[in-house]
Amino acid sequence: MAARRVTQSSVNWASLAERVPAAQRPNFIAFKSKSDKYLRSVQANPEQAPKIDWARYKQAIPVAGLVDTFQKQYEALKVPYPEDTFSAEVDKQEQDVKREIQEFKRASDERIAEYQKEIAHLKSLLPFDQMTMEDFRDAYPELAIDPLNKPTFWPHNPEEQLGYKAKDAPASSGGH
């Protein structure tokens, strides 16, 4: 990959800021601040290193060959541009996240469809203030009081019935 100078951020910060959850906003602001600081430091320096006037140094330095040696070493110096080892990993993570998002959307659409069915069912029922006990029994058979088949004691909740055992109560050891 050829080295290129970064002159401006390729990130659409406004669009990204819209997607950041409120809980992550301080981290986002800190990240943007670091990114802006880095960009400013890059822009503060020239793209090319300043040219050295070797002829002027050759005249000023009396040691023969010293400036020529420095010039050869300076011109032979090549600072390697860092190799991009993370883009492939980031692209893979992006694809994984996109797949997770699509799966979440699909599951959400299924849940929405189920909830729409429940809403339609609830809208089809009589309002509670207009229901009789028989209407309630027909609409909610699992919640309705059935004195013939399942007699209960008032106030008709599970805790007040004979033989009730709390779910979190320890199991009896069988004897005293």
C-alpha atoms as a PDB file:
ATOM      1  CA  MET A   1       0.000   0.000   0.000  1.00  0.00           C
ATOM      2  CA  ALA A   2       1.452   3.353  -0.995  1.00  0.00           C
ATOM      3  CA  ALA A   3       1.857   5.995   1.650  1.00  0.00           C
ATOM      4  CA  ARG A   4      -0.567   8.834   1.418  1.00  0.00           C
ATOM      5  CA  ARG A   5      -0.952  11.974   3.422  1.00  0.00           C
ATOM      6  CA  VAL A   6      -4.037  12.307   5.604  1.00  0.00           C
ATOM      7  CA  THR A   7      -5.394  15.802   5.053  1.00  0.00           C
ATOM      8  CA  GLN A   8      -8.897  15.512   6.429  1.00  0.00           C
ATOM      9  CA  SER A   9     -10.987  13.081   8.398  1.00  0.00           C
ATOM     10  CA  SER A  10     -12.921  10.599   6.289  1.00  0.00           C
ATOM     11  CA  VAL A  11     -15.350  10.012   9.170  1.00  0.00           C
ATOM     12  CA  ASN A  12     -18.773  11.645   9.062  1.00  0.00           C
ATOM     13  CA  TRP A  13     -18.772  12.643  12.734  1.00  0.00           C
ATOM     14  CA  ALA A  14     -22.295  14.117  12.712  1.00  0.00           C
ATOM     15  CA  SER A  15     -23.800  10.933  11.309  1.00  0.00           C
ATOM     16  CA  LEU A  16     -21.805   8.821  13.748  1.00  0.00           C
ATOM     17  CA  ALA A  17     -22.826  11.011  16.707  1.00  0.00           C
ATOM     18  CA  GLU A  18     -26.505  10.364  15.927  1.00  0.00           C
ATOM     19  CA  ARG A  19     -25.966   6.629  16.367  1.00  0.00           C
ATOM     20  CA  VAL A  20     -24.009   6.781  19.644  1.00  0.00           C
ATOM     21  CA  PRO A  21     -26.075   5.766  22.689  1.00  0.00           C
ATOM     22  CA  ALA A  22     -26.275   8.311  25.493  1.00  0.00           C
ATOM     23  CA  ALA A  23     -24.272   6.059  27.809  1.00  0.00           C
ATOM     24  CA  GLN A  24     -21.389   5.951  25.307  1.00  0.00           C
ATOM     25  CA  ARG A  25     -21.371   9.683  24.504  1.00  0.00           C
ATOM     26  CA  PRO A  26     -18.405  10.544  26.820  1.00  0.00           C
ATOM     27  CA  ASN A  27     -16.307   7.814  25.167  1.00  0.00           C
ATOM     28  CA  PHE A  28     -17.328   9.074  21.739  1.00  0.00           C
ATOM     29  CA  ILE A  29     -16.372  12.665  22.606  1.00  0.00           C
ATOM     30  CA  ALA A  30     -12.991  11.529  23.965  1.00  0.00           C
ATOM     31  CA  PHE A  31     -12.358   9.466  20.818  1.00  0.00           C
ATOM     32  CA  LYS A  32     -13.290  12.369  18.513  1.00  0.00           C
ATOM     33  CA  SER A  33     -11.045  14.695  20.502  1.00  0.00           C
ATOM     34  CA  LYS A  34      -8.069  12.331  20.096  1.00  0.00           C
ATOM     35  CA  SER A  35      -8.782  11.934  16.404  1.00  0.00           C
ATOM     36  CA  ASP A  36      -8.989  15.717  15.885  1.00  0.00           C
ATOM     37  CA  LYS A  37      -5.756  16.227  17.852  1.00  0.00           C
ATOM     38  CA  TYR A  38      -3.971  13.654  15.677  1.00  0.00           C
ATOM     39  CA  LEU A  39      -5.292  15.246  12.487  1.00  0.00           C
ATOM     40  CA  ARG A  40      -4.141  18.713  13.628  1.00  0.00           C
ATOM     41  CA  SER A  41      -0.661  17.403  14.441  1.00  0.00           C
ATOM     42  CA  VAL A  42      -0.402  15.799  10.990  1.00  0.00           C
ATOM     43  CA  GLN A  43      -1.559  18.980   9.285  1.00  0.00           C
ATOM     44  CA  ALA A  44       0.892  21.109  11.314  1.00  0.00           C
ATOM     45  CA  ASN A  45       3.845  19.394   9.638  1.00  0.00           C
ATOM     46  CA  PRO A  46       4.768  19.742   5.964  1.00  0.00           C
ATOM     47  CA  GLU A  47       4.085  16.822   3.650  1.00  0.00           C
ATOM     48  CA  GLN A  48       7.741  16.560   2.597  1.00  0.00           C
ATOM     49  CA  ALA A  49      10.767  16.929   4.853  1.00  0.00           C
ATOM     50  CA  PRO A  50      12.555  20.257   4.316  1.00  0.00           C
ATOM     51  CA  LYS A  51      15.328  20.208   1.696  1.00  0.00           C
ATOM     52  CA  ILE A  52      18.839  20.403   3.065  1.00  0.00           C
ATOM     53  CA  ASP A  53      21.312  22.781   1.390  1.00  0.00           C
ATOM     54  CA  TRP A  54      24.245  20.383   1.241  1.00  0.00           C
ATOM     55  CA  ALA A  55      26.417  22.834  -0.738  1.00  0.00           C
ATOM     56  CA  ARG A  56      26.256  25.346   2.118  1.00  0.00           C
ATOM     57  CA  TYR A  57      27.359  22.685   4.627  1.00  0.00           C
ATOM     58  CA  LYS A  58      30.220  21.572   2.357  1.00  0.00           C
ATOM     59  CA  GLN A  59      31.532  25.144   2.359  1.00  0.00           C
ATOM     60  CA  ALA A  60      31.076  25.608   6.124  1.00  0.00           C
ATOM     61  CA  ILE A  61      32.548  22.280   7.349  1.00  0.00           C
ATOM     62  CA  PRO A  62      36.295  21.861   6.768  1.00  0.00           C
ATOM     63  CA  VAL A  63      36.430  18.045   7.256  1.00  0.00           C
ATOM     64  CA  ALA A  64      36.602  16.499   3.791  1.00  0.00           C
ATOM     65  CA  GLY A  65      33.988  13.866   2.950  1.00  0.00           C
ATOM     66  CA  LEU A  66      32.013  14.286   6.187  1.00  0.00           C
ATOM     67  CA  VAL A  67      29.117  16.161   4.559  1.00  0.00           C
ATOM     68  CA  ASP A  68      29.127  13.722   1.603  1.00  0.00           C
ATOM     69  CA  THR A  69      28.859  10.782   4.035  1.00  0.00           C
ATOM     70  CA  PHE A  70      25.973  12.444   5.875  1.00  0.00           C
ATOM     71  CA  GLN A  71      24.268  13.268   2.568  1.00  0.00           C
ATOM     72  CA  LYS A  72      24.488   9.649   1.357  1.00  0.00           C
ATOM     73  CA  GLN A  73      23.163   8.323   4.681  1.00  0.00           C
ATOM     74  CA  TYR A  74      20.357  10.890   4.742  1.00  0.00           C
ATOM     75  CA  GLU A  75      19.260  10.131   1.196  1.00  0.00           C
ATOM     76  CA  ALA A  76      19.441   6.367   1.819  1.00  0.00           C
ATOM     77  CA  LEU A  77      17.188   6.679   4.866  1.00  0.00           C
ATOM     78  CA  LYS A  78      13.675   5.516   4.114  1.00  0.00           C
ATOM     79  CA  VAL A  79      11.132   5.614   6.917  1.00  0.00           C
ATOM     80  CA  PRO A  80       8.696   2.780   6.276  1.00  0.00           C
ATOM     81  CA  TYR A  81       5.026   3.614   6.209  1.00  0.00           C
ATOM     82  CA  PRO A  82       3.214   1.386   8.706  1.00  0.00           C
ATOM     83  CA  GLU A  83       1.594  -1.646   7.138  1.00  0.00           C
ATOM     84  CA  ASP A  84      -2.181  -1.821   7.400  1.00  0.00           C
ATOM     85  CA  THR A  85      -2.853  -4.952   9.445  1.00  0.00           C
ATOM     86  CA  PHE A  86      -6.202  -3.936  10.895  1.00  0.00           C
ATOM     87  CA  SER A  87      -8.444  -3.060   7.947  1.00  0.00           C
ATOM     88  CA  ALA A  88      -9.211  -6.700   7.170  1.00  0.00           C
ATOM     89  CA  GLU A  89     -10.089  -7.318  10.834  1.00  0.00           C
ATOM     90  CA  VAL A  90     -12.294  -4.213  10.939  1.00  0.00           C
ATOM     91  CA  ASP A  91     -14.018  -5.237   7.701  1.00  0.00           C
ATOM     92  CA  LYS A  92     -14.671  -8.702   9.149  1.00  0.00           C
ATOM     93  CA  GLN A  93     -16.100  -7.182  12.332  1.00  0.00           C
ATOM     94  CA  GLU A  94     -18.252  -4.859  10.236  1.00  0.00           C
ATOM     95  CA  GLN A  95     -19.683  -7.823   8.324  1.00  0.00           C
ATOM     96  CA  ASP A  96     -20.343  -9.674  11.600  1.00  0.00           C
ATOM     97  CA  VAL A  97     -22.136  -6.650  13.044  1.00  0.00           C
ATOM     98  CA  LYS A  98     -24.198  -6.215   9.867  1.00  0.00           C
ATOM     99  CA  ARG A  99     -25.210  -9.882  10.062  1.00  0.00           C
ATOM    100  CA  GLU A 100     -26.164  -9.470  13.739  1.00  0.00           C
ATOM    101  CA  ILE A 101     -28.188  -6.359  12.893  1.00  0.00           C
ATOM    102  CA  GLN A 102     -30.064  -8.186  10.141  1.00  0.00           C
ATOM    103  CA  GLU A 103     -30.786 -11.091  12.505  1.00  0.00           C
ATOM    104  CA  PHE A 104     -32.004  -8.666  15.176  1.00  0.00           C
ATOM    105  CA  LYS A 105     -34.244  -6.904  12.628  1.00  0.00           C
ATOM    106  CA  ARG A 106     -35.702 -10.231  11.501  1.00  0.00           C
ATOM    107  CA  ALA A 107     -36.362 -11.327  15.083  1.00  0.00           C
ATOM    108  CA  SER A 108     -37.833  -7.907  15.873  1.00  0.00           C
ATOM    109  CA  ASP A 109     -40.171  -8.134  12.880  1.00  0.00           C
ATOM    110  CA  GLU A 110     -41.353 -11.539  14.143  1.00  0.00           C
ATOM    111  CA  ARG A 111     -41.955 -10.115  17.631  1.00  0.00           C
ATOM    112  CA  ILE A 112     -43.791  -7.130  16.151  1.00  0.00           C
ATOM    113  CA  ALA A 113     -46.049  -9.452  14.153  1.00  0.00           C
ATOM    114  CA  GLU A 114     -46.838 -11.447  17.308  1.00  0.00           C
ATOM    115  CA  TYR A 115     -47.545  -8.272  19.271  1.00  0.00           C
ATOM    116  CA  GLN A 116     -49.786  -6.986  16.472  1.00  0.00           C
ATOM    117  CA  LYS A 117     -51.788 -10.229  16.737  1.00  0.00           C
ATOM    118  CA  GLU A 118     -52.076  -9.763  20.513  1.00  0.00           C
ATOM    119  CA  ILE A 119     -53.187  -6.151  20.059  1.00  0.00           C
ATOM    120  CA  ALA A 120     -55.781  -7.185  17.490  1.00  0.00           C
ATOM    121  CA  HIS A 121     -57.068  -9.862  19.897  1.00  0.00           C
ATOM    122  CA  LEU A 122     -57.257  -7.370  22.776  1.00  0.00           C
ATOM    123  CA  LYS A 123     -59.074  -4.849  20.607  1.00  0.00           C
ATOM    124  CA  SER A 124     -61.590  -7.513  19.641  1.00  0.00           C
ATOM    125  CA  LEU A 125     -62.500  -8.100  23.309  1.00  0.00           C
ATOM    126  CA  LEU A 126     -65.107  -6.193  25.224  1.00  0.00           C
ATOM    127  CA  PRO A 127     -63.739  -3.409  27.400  1.00  0.00           C
ATOM    128  CA  PHE A 128     -63.311  -4.585  31.007  1.00  0.00           C
ATOM    129  CA  ASP A 129     -65.848  -2.079  32.311  1.00  0.00           C
ATOM    130  CA  GLN A 130     -68.483  -3.660  30.046  1.00  0.00           C
ATOM    131  CA  MET A 131     -67.572  -7.323  30.714  1.00  0.00           C
ATOM    132  CA  THR A 132     -69.607  -9.667  32.842  1.00  0.00           C
ATOM    133  CA  MET A 133     -67.965 -12.477  34.800  1.00  0.00           C
ATOM    134  CA  GLU A 134     -69.042 -14.888  32.066  1.00  0.00           C
ATOM    135  CA  ASP A 135     -67.439 -12.694  29.377  1.00  0.00           C
ATOM    136  CA  PHE A 136     -64.218 -12.603  31.418  1.00  0.00           C
ATOM    137  CA  ARG A 137     -64.290 -16.407  31.803  1.00  0.00           C
ATOM    138  CA  ASP A 138     -64.744 -16.825  28.048  1.00  0.00           C
ATOM    139  CA  ALA A 139     -61.935 -14.369  27.234  1.00  0.00           C
ATOM    140  CA  TYR A 140     -59.471 -15.528  29.928  1.00  0.00           C
ATOM    141  CA  PRO A 141     -60.273 -19.113  30.939  1.00  0.00           C
ATOM    142  CA  GLU A 142     -56.893 -19.586  32.664  1.00  0.00           C
ATOM    143  CA  LEU A 143     -57.503 -16.559  34.938  1.00  0.00           C
ATOM    144  CA  ALA A 144     -61.207 -16.891  35.601  1.00  0.00           C
ATOM    145  CA  ILE A 145     -62.583 -18.367  38.812  1.00  0.00           C
ATOM    146  CA  ASP A 146     -64.182 -21.749  38.181  1.00  0.00           C
ATOM    147  CA  PRO A 147     -66.035 -22.771  41.379  1.00  0.00           C
ATOM    148  CA  LEU A 148     -67.250 -26.085  39.938  1.00  0.00           C
ATOM    149  CA  ASN A 149     -64.077 -27.550  38.443  1.00  0.00           C
ATOM    150  CA  LYS A 150     -61.402 -25.686  40.429  1.00  0.00           C
ATOM    151  CA  PRO A 151     -62.865 -24.341  43.670  1.00  0.00           C
ATOM    152  CA  THR A 152     -60.641 -21.834  45.498  1.00  0.00           C
ATOM    153  CA  PHE A 153     -60.718 -19.816  48.695  1.00  0.00           C
ATOM    154  CA  TRP A 154     -61.006 -16.076  48.769  1.00  0.00           C
ATOM    155  CA  PRO A 155     -59.006 -13.978  47.713  1.00  0.00           C
ATOM    156  CA  HIS A 156     -58.512 -16.661  45.022  1.00  0.00           C
ATOM    157  CA  ASN A 157     -54.753 -16.203  44.587  1.00  0.00           C
ATOM    158  CA  PRO A 158     -52.332 -19.163  44.688  1.00  0.00           C
ATOM    159  CA  GLU A 159     -50.740 -18.151  48.003  1.00  0.00           C
ATOM    160  CA  GLU A 160     -54.058 -18.465  49.883  1.00  0.00           C
ATOM    161  CA  GLN A 161     -54.956 -21.953  48.644  1.00  0.00           C
ATOM    162  CA  LEU A 162     -54.608 -25.224  50.510  1.00  0.00           C
ATOM    163  CA  GLY A 163     -51.405 -27.096  49.775  1.00  0.00           C
ATOM    164  CA  TYR A 164     -49.577 -24.032  48.463  1.00  0.00           C
ATOM    165  CA  LYS A 165     -45.795 -24.260  48.613  1.00  0.00           C
ATOM    166  CA  ALA A 166     -43.597 -21.285  47.828  1.00  0.00           C
ATOM    167  CA  LYS A 167     -41.263 -21.850  44.898  1.00  0.00           C
ATOM    168  CA  ASP A 168     -38.276 -20.524  46.847  1.00  0.00           C
ATOM    169  CA  ALA A 169     -39.109 -22.485  50.048  1.00  0.00           C
ATOM    170  CA  PRO A 170     -36.629 -25.242  50.939  1.00  0.00           C
ATOM    171  CA  ALA A 171     -37.806 -28.777  50.321  1.00  0.00           C
ATOM    172  CA  SER A 172     -38.925 -30.584  53.468  1.00  0.00           C
ATOM    173  CA  SER A 173     -36.608 -33.299  54.739  1.00  0.00           C
ATOM    174  CA  GLY A 174     -39.475 -35.727  55.242  1.00  0.00           C
ATOM    175  CA  GLY A 175     -39.512 -35.731  59.066  1.00  0.00           C
ATOM    176  CA  HIS A 176     -39.171 -33.571  62.173  1.00  0.00           C
END
